[in-house]
Amino acid sequence: MKFFDLELDQPDTRKALDAAYRRVMASGRLILGPELEAFEGEFAAFCGSAHCAGVGNGLDALSLALRAAGISAGDEVIVPAHTFAATWLAVTAVGGQLKPVEVDPTTYTLDPDAVRAAIGPRTRAVIPVSLYGHPADLDPIMALAREHGLFVLEDAAQSHGAGYRGRRAGATAHATAFSFYPTKNLGALGDAGAVVTADPALDRRIRQLRNYGSERKYVHEIEGVNSRLDELQAAFLRVRLARLERNNGRRRDLADHYAEQLGDLSGLTLPCEAAWAEHVYHLFVVRTPERDRLQDELRRAGVETLIHYPVPCHLQAAFADLGMKAGDFPITETLAQEVLSLPLWPGMGRDGVNRVAGAARAALGRG
């Protein structure tokens, strides 16, 4: 059982993607054209926000949003200790100072109480990560932001369509960064990303930054970069956006079936869904102190798994200059030792879940 299948060979998907390709080729517009404009409007509406600016990838979405908000050298940014490295890299890319804090041990997202304790005189921003498809608890973080004048940038690279207190990812924070890497719930056929916001001034500045600092050709108001979501990827994303709600529903159904098959196993912790959340299961992440043995046994049974993430950011060589060490973030370090992502994609079906669950039960001696 492979870990993930892009399912590009499905007849309806292939036909729609082929039509999108032909439409772009016929138009002769490959950069900053009508497909991007249409996708930006459609995705903003899907998220329940006013604006969307397409960029080159998820990391650029994070870093350009920080730059647009004025975060720069010396500004402290609170980040979760347990996240993909891109969250941290976006801060260092703009010269910011990382302030990592622990995550909630059940949702694996940023703990609002830890955020409150971490706010200091140099704190300028917070990046809550809606991880694995589960939204971060944003309302208390937004309340802290109002109290202390902070910019809140949600990292929703893994949570397209996730629900938070009746709102979708992208509708609560000052800005929300998305990745459209091919394996995401909403994936392009290459790298792509976007920033969603209700703030027109922030949106305008991101659009300038992504296009060499320019709104008019050969006129550069600010120092920018080249990070534009191209027409072909925008057209492909429009096809896949139309299927996102259906596919998220399939992910939730498969996750429920996993829970039915594995819920009675002691020592195996299944994903949590908070009462205020609607999980969209970008990943189905279980926990067990027997993680390495479980992964080995599943590999022998022909089941591919991944670990998100085996080395915490604070122990990565890239961030060695921060002087952090093992033991600084015990929850995060325990997660790194215990989490295992099982296969889950919309078309794998309940039979696929049964195969993986059966192999897991046998591996744990409870088949």
Protein backbone atom coordinates (compact mmCIF):
# COMPACT_ATOMS: atom_id res chain seq x y z
CA MET A 1 0.00 0.00 0.00
CA LYS A 2 1.64 3.23 -1.14
CA PHE A 3 1.54 6.20 1.23
CA PHE A 4 -0.21 8.53 -1.20
CA ASP A 5 -1.62 8.50 -4.72
CA LEU A 6 -2.17 11.72 -6.68
CA GLU A 7 -4.98 9.92 -8.55
CA LEU A 8 -4.23 11.84 -11.74
CA ASP A 9 -5.24 8.82 -13.80
CA GLN A 10 -8.89 9.10 -12.78
CA PRO A 11 -10.86 9.68 -16.03
CA ASP A 12 -12.83 12.72 -14.83
CA THR A 13 -9.75 14.35 -13.31
CA ARG A 14 -7.53 13.66 -16.33
CA LYS A 15 -10.17 15.06 -18.70
CA ALA A 16 -10.57 18.25 -16.66
CA LEU A 17 -6.81 18.77 -16.27
CA ASP A 18 -6.27 18.22 -19.99
CA ALA A 19 -8.95 20.81 -20.74
CA ALA A 20 -7.30 23.28 -18.35
CA TYR A 21 -3.95 22.75 -20.07
CA ARG A 22 -5.45 23.33 -23.52
CA ARG A 23 -7.24 26.45 -22.29
CA VAL A 24 -4.01 28.00 -21.04
CA MET A 25 -2.05 27.06 -24.17
CA ALA A 26 -4.75 28.55 -26.38
CA SER A 27 -4.79 31.79 -24.40
CA GLY A 28 -1.11 32.55 -24.85
CA ARG A 29 -1.03 33.95 -21.28
CA LEU A 30 1.36 32.10 -18.99
CA ILE A 31 2.07 34.54 -16.14
CA LEU A 32 -0.30 36.83 -14.16
CA GLY A 33 -3.26 36.18 -16.43
CA PRO A 34 -6.97 35.32 -16.22
CA GLU A 35 -6.54 31.82 -14.76
CA LEU A 36 -4.67 33.18 -11.75
CA GLU A 37 -7.16 35.98 -11.29
CA ALA A 38 -10.04 33.49 -11.42
CA PHE A 39 -8.37 31.07 -9.02
CA GLU A 40 -7.55 33.84 -6.55
CA GLY A 41 -11.19 34.92 -6.48
CA GLU A 42 -12.50 31.38 -6.18
CA PHE A 43 -10.09 30.35 -3.43
CA ALA A 44 -10.67 33.55 -1.42
CA ALA A 45 -14.42 32.88 -1.58
CA PHE A 46 -13.90 29.25 -0.60
CA CYS A 47 -11.94 30.34 2.48
CA GLY A 48 -14.49 33.00 3.38
CA SER A 49 -12.08 35.88 2.92
CA ALA A 50 -11.80 38.87 0.61
CA HIS A 51 -8.41 38.50 -1.04
CA CYS A 52 -6.00 35.84 -2.28
CA ALA A 53 -2.58 36.40 -3.81
CA GLY A 54 -1.02 33.42 -5.57
CA VAL A 55 2.72 32.94 -5.09
CA GLY A 56 5.40 30.44 -6.04
CA ASN A 57 5.22 28.07 -3.06
CA GLY A 58 4.19 27.73 0.57
CA LEU A 59 7.45 29.04 2.03
CA ASP A 60 7.18 32.18 -0.08
CA ALA A 61 3.58 32.58 1.09
CA LEU A 62 4.80 32.68 4.68
CA SER A 63 7.84 34.89 4.15
CA LEU A 64 6.10 37.38 1.84
CA ALA A 65 3.20 37.72 4.27
CA LEU A 66 5.67 38.49 7.07
CA ARG A 67 7.47 41.04 4.90
CA ALA A 68 4.19 42.63 3.86
CA ALA A 69 3.26 43.00 7.54
CA GLY A 70 6.53 44.78 8.24
CA ILE A 71 8.25 41.99 10.16
CA SER A 72 11.99 42.50 9.81
CA ALA A 73 15.38 42.17 11.48
CA GLY A 74 15.20 41.82 15.24
CA ASP A 75 11.45 41.32 15.42
CA GLU A 76 10.49 38.31 17.53
CA VAL A 77 8.03 35.81 16.05
CA ILE A 78 6.39 33.09 18.14
CA VAL A 79 6.28 29.73 16.36
CA PRO A 80 5.34 26.19 17.41
CA ALA A 81 8.23 23.89 18.23
CA HIS A 82 6.46 21.02 16.44
CA THR A 83 6.06 21.95 12.78
CA PHE A 84 7.69 21.58 9.38
CA ALA A 85 10.88 23.61 9.01
CA ALA A 86 9.30 26.05 6.53
CA THR A 87 7.46 27.77 9.39
CA TRP A 88 10.79 28.61 11.03
CA LEU A 89 12.61 29.32 7.76
CA ALA A 90 10.08 32.00 6.85
CA VAL A 91 10.98 33.90 10.02
CA THR A 92 14.73 33.69 9.49
CA ALA A 93 14.25 34.65 5.81
CA VAL A 94 13.00 38.10 6.86
CA GLY A 95 15.60 38.48 9.61
CA GLY A 96 13.16 37.80 12.43
CA GLN A 97 14.04 36.18 15.73
CA LEU A 98 12.46 32.80 16.41
CA LYS A 99 10.60 32.31 19.69
CA PRO A 100 9.51 28.65 19.71
CA VAL A 101 6.91 27.40 22.19
CA GLU A 102 5.30 24.05 22.91
CA VAL A 103 2.22 22.67 21.23
CA ASP A 104 -0.94 21.27 22.76
CA PRO A 105 -0.27 17.54 23.37
CA THR A 106 -3.62 16.45 21.92
CA THR A 107 -4.16 18.68 18.86
CA TYR A 108 -0.41 19.17 18.17
CA THR A 109 -1.11 22.83 17.39
CA LEU A 110 0.14 25.98 19.08
CA ASP A 111 -0.89 26.21 22.75
CA PRO A 112 -2.49 29.64 23.39
CA ASP A 113 -1.34 29.58 27.03
CA ALA A 114 2.23 29.00 25.87
CA VAL A 115 1.86 31.92 23.47
CA ARG A 116 0.71 34.21 26.28
CA ALA A 117 3.69 33.22 28.42
CA ALA A 118 6.12 33.81 25.55
CA ILE A 119 5.07 37.34 24.59
CA GLY A 120 7.82 39.84 25.33
CA PRO A 121 8.71 43.43 24.47
CA ARG A 122 10.18 42.47 21.07
CA THR A 123 7.35 40.15 20.02
CA ARG A 124 5.73 41.33 16.80
CA ALA A 125 4.03 38.26 15.32
CA VAL A 126 2.68 34.77 15.93
CA ILE A 127 2.49 31.90 13.44
CA PRO A 128 -0.05 29.28 14.54
CA VAL A 129 0.22 26.16 12.38
CA SER A 130 -2.92 24.24 11.49
CA LEU A 131 -1.10 20.93 11.43
CA TYR A 132 -1.95 17.63 9.74
CA GLY A 133 -5.36 19.04 8.74
CA HIS A 134 -6.44 20.12 12.25
CA PRO A 135 -6.91 23.88 12.75
CA ALA A 136 -5.04 25.80 15.41
CA ASP A 137 -7.13 27.38 18.19
CA LEU A 138 -7.05 30.88 16.73
CA ASP A 139 -9.61 32.91 18.69
CA PRO A 140 -7.59 33.11 21.94
CA ILE A 141 -4.46 33.85 19.91
CA MET A 142 -6.27 36.65 18.05
CA ALA A 143 -7.37 38.05 21.42
CA LEU A 144 -3.74 38.10 22.55
CA ALA A 145 -2.81 39.79 19.29
CA ARG A 146 -5.33 42.57 19.86
CA GLU A 147 -4.07 43.02 23.41
CA HIS A 148 -0.40 43.23 22.41
CA GLY A 149 -0.55 44.60 18.86
CA LEU A 150 0.70 41.43 17.16
CA PHE A 151 0.39 40.20 13.58
CA VAL A 152 -1.08 36.68 13.32
CA LEU A 153 -0.15 34.61 10.27
CA GLU A 154 -1.83 31.21 10.14
CA ASP A 155 0.24 28.52 8.45
CA ALA A 156 -2.46 26.39 6.84
CA ALA A 157 -0.21 24.56 4.39
CA GLN A 158 -1.80 21.27 5.49
CA SER A 159 -5.35 22.41 6.22
CA HIS A 160 -7.20 23.52 3.08
CA GLY A 161 -10.89 23.61 4.01
CA ALA A 162 -10.39 22.79 7.69
CA GLY A 163 -13.19 24.10 9.90
CA TYR A 164 -12.70 26.32 12.93
CA ARG A 165 -15.78 27.35 14.94
CA GLY A 166 -17.89 27.47 11.78
CA ARG A 167 -15.24 29.25 9.72
CA ARG A 168 -12.74 27.84 7.26
CA ALA A 169 -8.97 28.15 7.42
CA GLY A 170 -8.20 31.57 5.99
CA ALA A 171 -11.10 33.42 7.60
CA THR A 172 -9.76 34.21 11.09
CA ALA A 173 -6.10 35.28 11.21
CA HIS A 174 -4.76 38.55 9.80
CA ALA A 175 -3.38 36.45 6.95
CA THR A 176 -3.20 32.75 6.12
CA ALA A 177 -0.47 31.09 4.09
CA PHE A 178 -1.20 28.01 1.99
CA SER A 179 1.01 25.56 0.13
CA PHE A 180 -0.35 23.79 -2.95
CA TYR A 181 2.43 21.19 -3.08
CA PRO A 182 1.09 18.21 -5.09
CA THR A 183 0.32 16.00 -2.08
CA LYS A 184 -1.71 18.65 -0.21
CA ASN A 185 -5.50 18.39 0.09
CA LEU A 186 -5.54 21.05 -2.62
CA GLY A 187 -2.46 20.31 -4.70
CA ALA A 188 -1.04 21.73 -7.90
CA LEU A 189 1.04 19.69 -10.35
CA GLY A 190 4.18 21.41 -9.11
CA ASP A 191 5.05 24.02 -6.50
CA ALA A 192 2.55 26.77 -5.76
CA GLY A 193 1.22 28.76 -2.80
CA ALA A 194 -1.03 31.64 -1.79
CA VAL A 195 -1.76 34.15 0.93
CA VAL A 196 -5.39 34.80 1.90
CA THR A 197 -6.35 37.93 3.84
CA ALA A 198 -9.24 40.32 4.48
CA ASP A 199 -6.83 43.29 4.52
CA PRO A 200 -6.66 45.01 1.10
CA ALA A 201 -3.46 46.91 1.96
CA LEU A 202 -1.69 43.71 2.99
CA ASP A 203 -2.91 41.96 -0.16
CA ARG A 204 -1.65 44.81 -2.34
CA ARG A 205 1.79 44.72 -0.75
CA ILE A 206 2.08 40.94 -1.20
CA ARG A 207 1.17 41.37 -4.87
CA GLN A 208 3.93 43.96 -5.21
CA LEU A 209 6.46 41.81 -3.40
CA ARG A 210 5.75 38.71 -5.49
CA ASN A 211 6.32 40.65 -8.73
CA TYR A 212 9.71 42.34 -8.26
CA GLY A 213 8.15 45.04 -6.07
CA SER A 214 6.14 46.28 -9.03
CA GLU A 215 2.53 47.04 -9.85
CA ARG A 216 3.34 48.57 -13.24
CA LYS A 217 5.83 47.09 -15.69
CA TYR A 218 9.34 48.44 -15.16
CA VAL A 219 8.24 50.59 -12.21
CA HIS A 220 9.51 49.18 -8.90
CA GLU A 221 8.12 50.86 -5.79
CA ILE A 222 9.72 48.44 -3.28
CA GLU A 223 12.32 45.68 -3.29
CA GLY A 224 10.52 42.51 -4.25
CA VAL A 225 11.12 39.00 -5.53
CA ASN A 226 9.92 36.77 -8.34
CA SER A 227 7.32 34.45 -6.80
CA ARG A 228 4.24 34.21 -8.98
CA LEU A 229 1.74 31.37 -9.22
CA ASP A 230 1.77 30.69 -12.97
CA GLU A 231 -1.26 30.38 -15.20
CA LEU A 232 -0.95 26.65 -15.80
CA GLN A 233 -0.81 25.78 -12.10
CA ALA A 234 -3.68 28.18 -11.41
CA ALA A 235 -5.77 26.41 -14.04
CA PHE A 236 -4.95 23.02 -12.54
CA LEU A 237 -5.80 24.31 -9.06
CA ARG A 238 -9.20 25.53 -10.26
CA VAL A 239 -9.95 21.95 -11.37
CA ARG A 240 -8.90 20.50 -8.05
CA LEU A 241 -10.58 23.22 -5.96
CA ALA A 242 -13.92 22.19 -7.46
CA ARG A 243 -13.32 18.70 -5.98
CA LEU A 244 -11.85 19.76 -2.64
CA GLU A 245 -14.98 19.57 -0.49
CA ARG A 246 -15.84 16.14 -1.86
CA ASN A 247 -12.32 14.86 -1.30
CA ASN A 248 -12.11 16.31 2.20
CA GLY A 249 -15.35 14.47 2.97
CA ARG A 250 -13.78 11.24 1.75
CA ARG A 251 -10.74 11.85 3.92
CA ARG A 252 -12.97 12.31 6.98
CA ASP A 253 -14.88 9.12 6.17
CA LEU A 254 -11.64 7.15 5.86
CA ALA A 255 -10.34 8.63 9.09
CA ASP A 256 -13.55 7.56 10.84
CA HIS A 257 -13.06 4.06 9.46
CA TYR A 258 -9.47 4.00 10.73
CA ALA A 259 -10.81 4.97 14.15
CA GLU A 260 -13.32 2.09 14.04
CA GLN A 261 -10.57 -0.38 13.13
CA LEU A 262 -7.87 0.87 15.51
CA GLY A 263 -9.74 2.60 18.33
CA ASP A 264 -9.57 -0.33 20.74
CA LEU A 265 -5.78 -0.70 20.63
CA SER A 266 -4.21 0.33 23.92
CA GLY A 267 -0.94 2.17 23.53
CA LEU A 268 -1.94 3.59 20.14
CA THR A 269 -3.14 7.22 20.18
CA LEU A 270 -5.34 8.21 17.26
CA PRO A 271 -5.73 11.74 15.87
CA CYS A 272 -7.75 14.15 17.99
CA GLU A 273 -10.54 16.37 16.68
CA ALA A 274 -11.34 19.20 19.08
CA ALA A 275 -15.01 20.09 19.64
CA TRP A 276 -14.47 23.41 17.83
CA ALA A 277 -12.67 21.86 14.85
CA GLU A 278 -13.37 20.05 11.61
CA HIS A 279 -10.28 18.01 10.77
CA VAL A 280 -9.59 17.48 7.05
CA TYR A 281 -6.92 14.78 7.59
CA HIS A 282 -4.14 15.87 5.30
CA LEU A 283 -2.34 13.22 7.32
CA PHE A 284 -3.61 10.45 9.57
CA VAL A 285 -1.04 10.59 12.37
CA VAL A 286 -1.01 7.99 15.13
CA ARG A 287 1.26 7.85 18.16
CA THR A 288 2.86 4.94 19.96
CA PRO A 289 6.03 4.38 22.00
CA GLU A 290 6.52 1.39 19.68
CA ARG A 291 6.63 3.64 16.61
CA ASP A 292 9.86 2.35 15.09
CA ARG A 293 8.86 -1.28 15.46
CA LEU A 294 5.39 -0.55 14.07
CA GLN A 295 6.89 1.21 11.06
CA ASP A 296 9.28 -1.68 10.41
CA GLU A 297 6.50 -4.28 10.62
CA LEU A 298 4.24 -2.26 8.33
CA ARG A 299 7.08 -1.96 5.82
CA ARG A 300 7.47 -5.74 5.84
CA ALA A 301 3.74 -6.04 5.23
CA GLY A 302 4.02 -3.77 2.18
CA VAL A 303 2.53 -0.67 3.82
CA GLU A 304 4.40 2.59 3.27
CA THR A 305 4.39 5.12 6.14
CA LEU A 306 6.13 8.42 6.88
CA ILE A 307 7.14 10.34 10.00
CA HIS A 308 6.05 13.98 10.33
CA TYR A 309 8.55 14.93 11.78
CA PRO A 310 11.46 12.80 13.04
CA VAL A 311 13.84 15.66 13.99
CA PRO A 312 12.36 18.70 15.75
CA CYS A 313 13.28 22.10 14.33
CA HIS A 314 15.17 23.13 17.46
CA LEU A 315 17.50 20.15 17.00
CA GLN A 316 18.13 20.75 13.30
CA ALA A 317 21.61 21.89 12.24
CA ALA A 318 20.01 24.76 10.31
CA PHE A 319 18.99 26.37 13.60
CA ALA A 320 22.04 25.45 15.66
CA ASP A 321 22.85 29.14 16.16
CA LEU A 322 19.81 29.40 18.46
CA GLY A 323 21.68 27.29 21.03
CA MET A 324 18.75 25.00 21.78
CA LYS A 325 19.26 21.46 23.00
CA ALA A 326 17.49 18.18 23.66
CA GLY A 327 15.10 18.54 26.55
CA ASP A 328 14.07 22.12 25.77
CA PHE A 329 10.70 21.06 24.31
CA PRO A 330 9.71 17.70 25.81
CA ILE A 331 6.26 17.47 24.20
CA THR A 332 7.69 18.14 20.76
CA GLU A 333 10.55 15.70 21.30
CA THR A 334 8.14 12.97 22.42
CA LEU A 335 6.06 13.53 19.31
CA ALA A 336 9.18 13.20 17.15
CA GLN A 337 9.82 9.82 18.74
CA GLU A 338 6.24 8.52 18.60
CA VAL A 339 4.28 9.89 15.60
CA LEU A 340 3.65 7.83 12.50
CA SER A 341 1.59 8.85 9.46
CA LEU A 342 -0.49 6.06 7.95
CA PRO A 343 -1.61 6.08 4.29
CA LEU A 344 -4.66 8.21 3.58
CA TRP A 345 -5.84 9.68 0.29
CA PRO A 346 -9.37 10.22 -1.02
CA GLY A 347 -9.51 7.24 -3.37
CA MET A 348 -7.86 4.56 -1.25
CA GLY A 349 -11.24 3.29 -0.07
CA ARG A 350 -12.25 1.43 3.07
CA ASP A 351 -10.62 -1.73 1.78
CA GLY A 352 -7.31 0.12 1.81
CA VAL A 353 -7.92 1.22 5.38
CA ASN A 354 -8.78 -2.35 6.33
CA ARG A 355 -5.49 -3.58 4.88
CA VAL A 356 -3.40 -0.97 6.73
CA ALA A 357 -5.33 -1.39 9.99
CA GLY A 358 -5.04 -5.17 9.83
CA ALA A 359 -1.29 -4.93 9.33
CA ALA A 360 -1.03 -2.46 12.25
CA ARG A 361 -3.03 -4.75 14.54
CA ALA A 362 -0.83 -7.69 13.62
CA ALA A 363 2.33 -5.62 14.15
CA LEU A 364 1.19 -4.62 17.62
CA GLY A 365 0.27 -8.22 18.44
CA ARG A 366 -3.44 -7.52 18.57
CA GLY A 367 -4.65 -8.81 15.23
